[in-house]
Amino acid sequence: MPEPLPTPDFSVVVPFFNEAEVAGAVIDELATALNTQGGFWEAILVDDGSTDRTRDELSAACARWPACRLLPLAKNQGQGAALFQGILAARAPVIGMMDGDGQNVPADFAGLRPLLAEADMVVGRRAQRDDSPLRRGISRLANAVRGRLLRDGLADAGCALKVFRRPVADGFWPFPMLNPFMPALAVAAGFRVIERPVRHRPRRTGVSKYGLGVMLGRPLYDLLAIWWLLRGRRRAVPAGR
């Protein structure tokens, strides 16, 4: 029997939904980057109920890279639920996350992880976002409204490339659009959150799974729900950290 893998220093959660065309390349790039960065790592590959060959691609990637683990969801639950389940499955004291569409650059984890010496969560900021003008405009508007209501102090909370200490995850809730609200939840729990520039690439193939209806509607509902839940719940940083 093969020897069990050591407990990882770093867990990366990557949600996938119908990304068969790029899934294998995304995982290969991630694994190569993490091997270069050193230490023991694991990647939690969450298949969010894909209806194409994504699960087959993820299974094949796990065979190539033993540090990868497939977490299959029986049906599509949305990116927020997929992220939440992946974070629960992560074993390392430091957790990272990225999108499965190939637009994030896994090598950028090397610049974010050391910053956890001065913060509890580090969020990527897409310095040169490679999306359509319409999507960029909607994102700027969403960031402005979110920042005004939730006071997270970030310019690009929606960037999927993030790293954080495990205790930060205790304040997360499985909202359908969890990703852009993670920093606000961390700030409300008393953790220090900073952001740093990262790279962003155009989508190589396929289409975005989040159209304008999702970008405009679902985040607004979640924003109002989180704003209501966080009212009066902000507290000082816990003693001893």
Protein backbone atom coordinates (compact mmCIF):
# COMPACT_ATOMS: atom_id res chain seq x y z
CA MET A 1 0.00 0.00 0.00
CA PRO A 2 1.27 3.53 -0.71
CA GLU A 3 2.49 5.53 2.26
CA PRO A 4 0.03 8.15 3.53
CA LEU A 5 0.78 11.71 2.49
CA PRO A 6 2.09 14.05 5.22
CA THR A 7 -0.20 16.63 6.78
CA PRO A 8 -0.09 19.63 4.41
CA ASP A 9 1.20 23.09 5.27
CA PHE A 10 -1.04 24.67 2.65
CA SER A 11 -4.43 23.68 1.28
CA VAL A 12 -5.82 25.17 -1.94
CA VAL A 13 -9.55 24.93 -2.68
CA VAL A 14 -10.57 25.12 -6.35
CA PRO A 15 -14.26 24.90 -7.37
CA PHE A 16 -15.15 23.65 -10.85
CA PHE A 17 -18.44 23.66 -12.73
CA ASN A 18 -18.44 22.49 -16.36
CA GLU A 19 -14.80 23.40 -16.98
CA ALA A 20 -13.73 20.20 -18.75
CA GLU A 21 -11.78 22.11 -21.41
CA VAL A 22 -9.43 23.76 -18.93
CA ALA A 23 -9.61 21.75 -15.70
CA GLY A 24 -6.62 19.51 -16.40
CA ALA A 25 -4.35 22.37 -17.43
CA VAL A 26 -5.43 24.48 -14.42
CA ILE A 27 -4.55 21.68 -11.99
CA ASP A 28 -1.25 20.89 -13.70
CA GLU A 29 -0.23 24.55 -13.48
CA LEU A 30 -1.30 24.75 -9.83
CA ALA A 31 0.55 21.58 -8.83
CA THR A 32 3.71 22.67 -10.64
CA ALA A 33 3.62 26.07 -8.96
CA LEU A 34 3.08 24.63 -5.48
CA ASN A 35 5.86 22.08 -5.94
CA THR A 36 8.17 24.95 -6.86
CA GLN A 37 7.16 26.90 -3.76
CA GLY A 38 8.12 24.00 -1.47
CA GLY A 39 6.54 22.46 1.61
CA PHE A 40 3.70 19.97 1.74
CA TRP A 41 0.46 20.97 0.06
CA GLU A 42 -2.90 19.61 -0.96
CA ALA A 43 -5.48 20.77 -3.48
CA ILE A 44 -9.19 20.21 -2.85
CA LEU A 45 -10.83 19.96 -6.28
CA VAL A 46 -14.55 20.55 -5.82
CA ASP A 47 -16.75 19.38 -8.68
CA ASP A 48 -19.94 21.40 -8.25
CA GLY A 49 -22.27 18.93 -9.96
CA SER A 50 -20.77 19.32 -13.44
CA THR A 51 -22.72 17.87 -16.35
CA ASP A 52 -19.79 17.61 -18.79
CA ARG A 53 -16.50 15.69 -18.45
CA THR A 54 -15.13 17.89 -15.65
CA ARG A 55 -15.27 15.13 -13.03
CA ASP A 56 -13.33 12.77 -15.31
CA GLU A 57 -10.69 15.45 -15.85
CA LEU A 58 -10.42 16.04 -12.10
CA SER A 59 -10.11 12.31 -11.40
CA ALA A 60 -7.33 12.03 -13.97
CA ALA A 61 -5.54 15.01 -12.41
CA CYS A 62 -5.73 13.37 -8.98
CA ALA A 63 -4.06 10.30 -10.48
CA ARG A 64 -1.25 12.48 -11.85
CA TRP A 65 -0.89 14.50 -8.65
CA PRO A 66 -1.42 12.46 -5.45
CA ALA A 67 -1.62 15.65 -3.37
CA CYS A 68 -4.92 16.50 -5.09
CA ARG A 69 -8.24 15.31 -3.67
CA LEU A 70 -11.54 15.23 -5.54
CA LEU A 71 -14.60 16.43 -3.65
CA PRO A 72 -17.64 15.61 -5.83
CA LEU A 73 -20.96 17.29 -5.08
CA ALA A 74 -24.06 15.38 -6.17
CA LYS A 75 -25.68 18.41 -7.75
CA ASN A 76 -24.81 21.99 -8.62
CA GLN A 77 -25.02 24.07 -5.44
CA GLY A 78 -23.30 27.27 -6.57
CA GLN A 79 -19.77 28.55 -6.16
CA GLY A 80 -20.27 29.69 -2.56
CA ALA A 81 -21.42 26.26 -1.39
CA ALA A 82 -18.61 24.57 -3.32
CA LEU A 83 -16.02 26.84 -1.70
CA PHE A 84 -17.52 26.31 1.73
CA GLN A 85 -17.45 22.51 1.38
CA GLY A 86 -13.87 22.62 0.11
CA ILE A 87 -12.74 24.79 3.00
CA LEU A 88 -14.35 22.38 5.48
CA ALA A 89 -12.40 19.52 3.86
CA ALA A 90 -9.05 21.35 3.93
CA ARG A 91 -6.51 20.02 6.46
CA ALA A 92 -3.78 22.67 6.49
CA PRO A 93 -3.41 25.62 8.90
CA VAL A 94 -3.24 27.95 5.90
CA ILE A 95 -5.86 27.82 3.16
CA GLY A 96 -5.78 29.32 -0.31
CA MET A 97 -8.41 29.49 -3.00
CA MET A 98 -8.65 30.24 -6.70
CA ASP A 99 -11.06 29.86 -9.60
CA GLY A 100 -11.07 26.81 -11.83
CA ASP A 101 -11.42 28.71 -15.12
CA GLY A 102 -7.72 29.43 -15.64
CA GLN A 103 -7.88 33.20 -15.17
CA ASN A 104 -5.94 33.20 -11.87
CA VAL A 105 -2.17 32.59 -11.86
CA PRO A 106 -1.23 29.94 -9.25
CA ALA A 107 2.36 31.19 -9.08
CA ASP A 108 0.99 34.32 -7.37
CA PHE A 109 0.38 32.30 -4.21
CA ALA A 110 4.14 32.65 -3.63
CA GLY A 111 3.73 36.40 -3.16
CA LEU A 112 0.59 36.22 -1.00
CA ARG A 113 1.48 33.51 1.51
CA PRO A 114 4.44 35.28 3.20
CA LEU A 115 2.17 38.27 3.92
CA LEU A 116 0.29 36.17 6.47
CA ALA A 117 3.10 37.16 8.81
CA GLU A 118 1.40 40.56 9.03
CA ALA A 119 -2.26 39.73 8.38
CA ASP A 120 -4.80 36.94 8.82
CA MET A 121 -6.14 37.09 5.26
CA VAL A 122 -4.50 38.32 2.07
CA VAL A 123 -6.72 39.06 -0.92
CA GLY A 124 -5.50 39.41 -4.48
CA ARG A 125 -6.29 42.61 -6.35
CA ARG A 126 -6.52 42.19 -10.12
CA ALA A 127 -4.22 45.03 -11.15
CA GLN A 128 -4.97 44.59 -14.87
CA ARG A 129 -8.24 42.70 -15.04
CA ASP A 130 -8.66 40.92 -18.38
CA ASP A 131 -12.46 40.92 -18.70
CA SER A 132 -14.95 42.77 -20.88
CA PRO A 133 -15.57 46.48 -20.14
CA LEU A 134 -19.12 45.63 -19.05
CA ARG A 135 -17.98 43.04 -16.50
CA ARG A 136 -15.28 45.38 -15.21
CA GLY A 137 -17.82 48.17 -14.82
CA ILE A 138 -20.26 45.96 -12.93
CA SER A 139 -17.41 44.77 -10.71
CA ARG A 140 -16.35 48.34 -9.89
CA LEU A 141 -19.92 49.23 -8.97
CA ALA A 142 -20.32 46.10 -6.85
CA ASN A 143 -17.04 46.73 -5.05
CA ALA A 144 -18.02 50.33 -4.30
CA VAL A 145 -21.45 49.38 -2.90
CA ARG A 146 -20.10 46.42 -0.94
CA GLY A 147 -17.26 48.47 0.52
CA ARG A 148 -19.64 51.25 1.57
CA LEU A 149 -22.06 48.91 3.34
CA LEU A 150 -19.72 46.28 4.77
CA ARG A 151 -16.63 48.44 5.36
CA ASP A 152 -14.09 45.79 4.39
CA GLY A 153 -11.63 48.41 3.09
CA LEU A 154 -10.82 46.51 -0.14
CA ALA A 155 -10.84 47.54 -3.77
CA ASP A 156 -11.35 44.07 -5.29
CA ALA A 157 -12.87 41.65 -2.78
CA GLY A 158 -14.25 39.59 -5.66
CA CYS A 159 -10.83 38.36 -6.75
CA ALA A 160 -10.85 34.59 -6.19
CA LEU A 161 -7.14 34.41 -5.34
CA LYS A 162 -7.03 34.54 -1.54
CA VAL A 163 -5.04 33.03 1.34
CA PHE A 164 -6.03 32.98 4.99
CA ARG A 165 -5.36 31.33 8.32
CA ARG A 166 -7.73 28.53 9.29
CA PRO A 167 -9.41 30.43 12.19
CA VAL A 168 -10.65 33.01 9.67
CA ALA A 169 -12.86 30.34 8.08
CA ASP A 170 -14.84 29.94 11.29
CA GLY A 171 -16.67 33.16 10.41
CA PHE A 172 -17.72 32.06 6.91
CA TRP A 173 -21.30 31.14 6.02
CA PRO A 174 -22.35 29.19 2.91
CA PHE A 175 -23.85 32.10 0.97
CA PRO A 176 -24.41 31.42 -2.76
CA MET A 177 -21.95 34.24 -3.61
CA LEU A 178 -19.58 33.71 -0.68
CA ASN A 179 -16.29 34.69 -2.35
CA PRO A 180 -16.64 38.52 -2.49
CA PHE A 181 -17.96 38.66 1.08
CA MET A 182 -15.23 36.59 2.75
CA PRO A 183 -13.08 39.65 3.58
CA ALA A 184 -16.02 41.50 5.16
CA LEU A 185 -16.85 38.47 7.29
CA ALA A 186 -13.21 38.25 8.37
CA VAL A 187 -13.03 41.96 9.22
CA ALA A 188 -16.28 41.71 11.19
CA ALA A 189 -14.76 38.85 13.20
CA GLY A 190 -11.78 41.01 14.15
CA PHE A 191 -9.20 39.64 11.72
CA ARG A 192 -6.76 41.78 9.76
CA VAL A 193 -7.29 41.69 6.00
CA ILE A 194 -4.98 43.22 3.38
CA GLU A 195 -4.85 43.05 -0.42
CA ARG A 196 -1.98 42.93 -2.90
CA PRO A 197 -1.81 43.06 -6.72
CA VAL A 198 -1.98 39.78 -8.63
CA ARG A 199 -2.14 38.87 -12.29
CA HIS A 200 -5.32 38.10 -14.22
CA ARG A 201 -5.67 36.36 -17.57
CA PRO A 202 -8.40 36.18 -20.21
CA ARG A 203 -10.54 33.08 -20.24
CA ARG A 204 -8.87 30.63 -22.61
CA THR A 205 -11.97 28.63 -23.51
CA GLY A 206 -15.56 28.12 -22.46
CA VAL A 207 -17.89 30.78 -21.07
CA SER A 208 -18.42 32.36 -17.69
CA LYS A 209 -20.87 30.47 -15.49
CA TYR A 210 -21.99 33.76 -13.95
CA GLY A 211 -23.96 35.87 -16.41
CA LEU A 212 -25.23 39.40 -15.91
CA GLY A 213 -28.37 38.22 -14.14
CA VAL A 214 -26.30 36.39 -11.54
CA MET A 215 -23.76 39.22 -11.23
CA LEU A 216 -26.45 41.83 -10.66
CA GLY A 217 -29.07 39.90 -8.69
CA ARG A 218 -27.59 37.24 -6.43
CA PRO A 219 -24.78 39.39 -4.94
CA LEU A 220 -27.30 42.09 -4.03
CA TYR A 221 -29.45 39.63 -2.07
CA ASP A 222 -26.39 38.24 -0.28
CA LEU A 223 -25.01 41.73 0.36
CA LEU A 224 -28.20 42.82 2.10
CA ALA A 225 -28.36 39.58 4.09
CA ILE A 226 -24.75 39.91 5.26
CA TRP A 227 -25.16 43.60 6.06
CA TRP A 228 -28.16 42.80 8.24
CA LEU A 229 -26.40 39.91 10.00
CA LEU A 230 -23.23 41.90 10.67
CA ARG A 231 -24.93 44.95 12.16
CA GLY A 232 -23.60 45.41 15.65
CA ARG A 233 -21.56 42.20 15.49
CA ARG A 234 -18.17 43.74 14.79
CA ARG A 235 -15.83 43.20 17.68
CA ALA A 236 -12.21 43.79 18.64
CA VAL A 237 -9.45 41.41 17.53
CA PRO A 238 -9.46 38.43 19.95
CA ALA A 239 -6.78 38.65 22.61
CA GLY A 240 -3.68 36.55 22.18
CA ARG A 241 -3.47 36.64 18.38
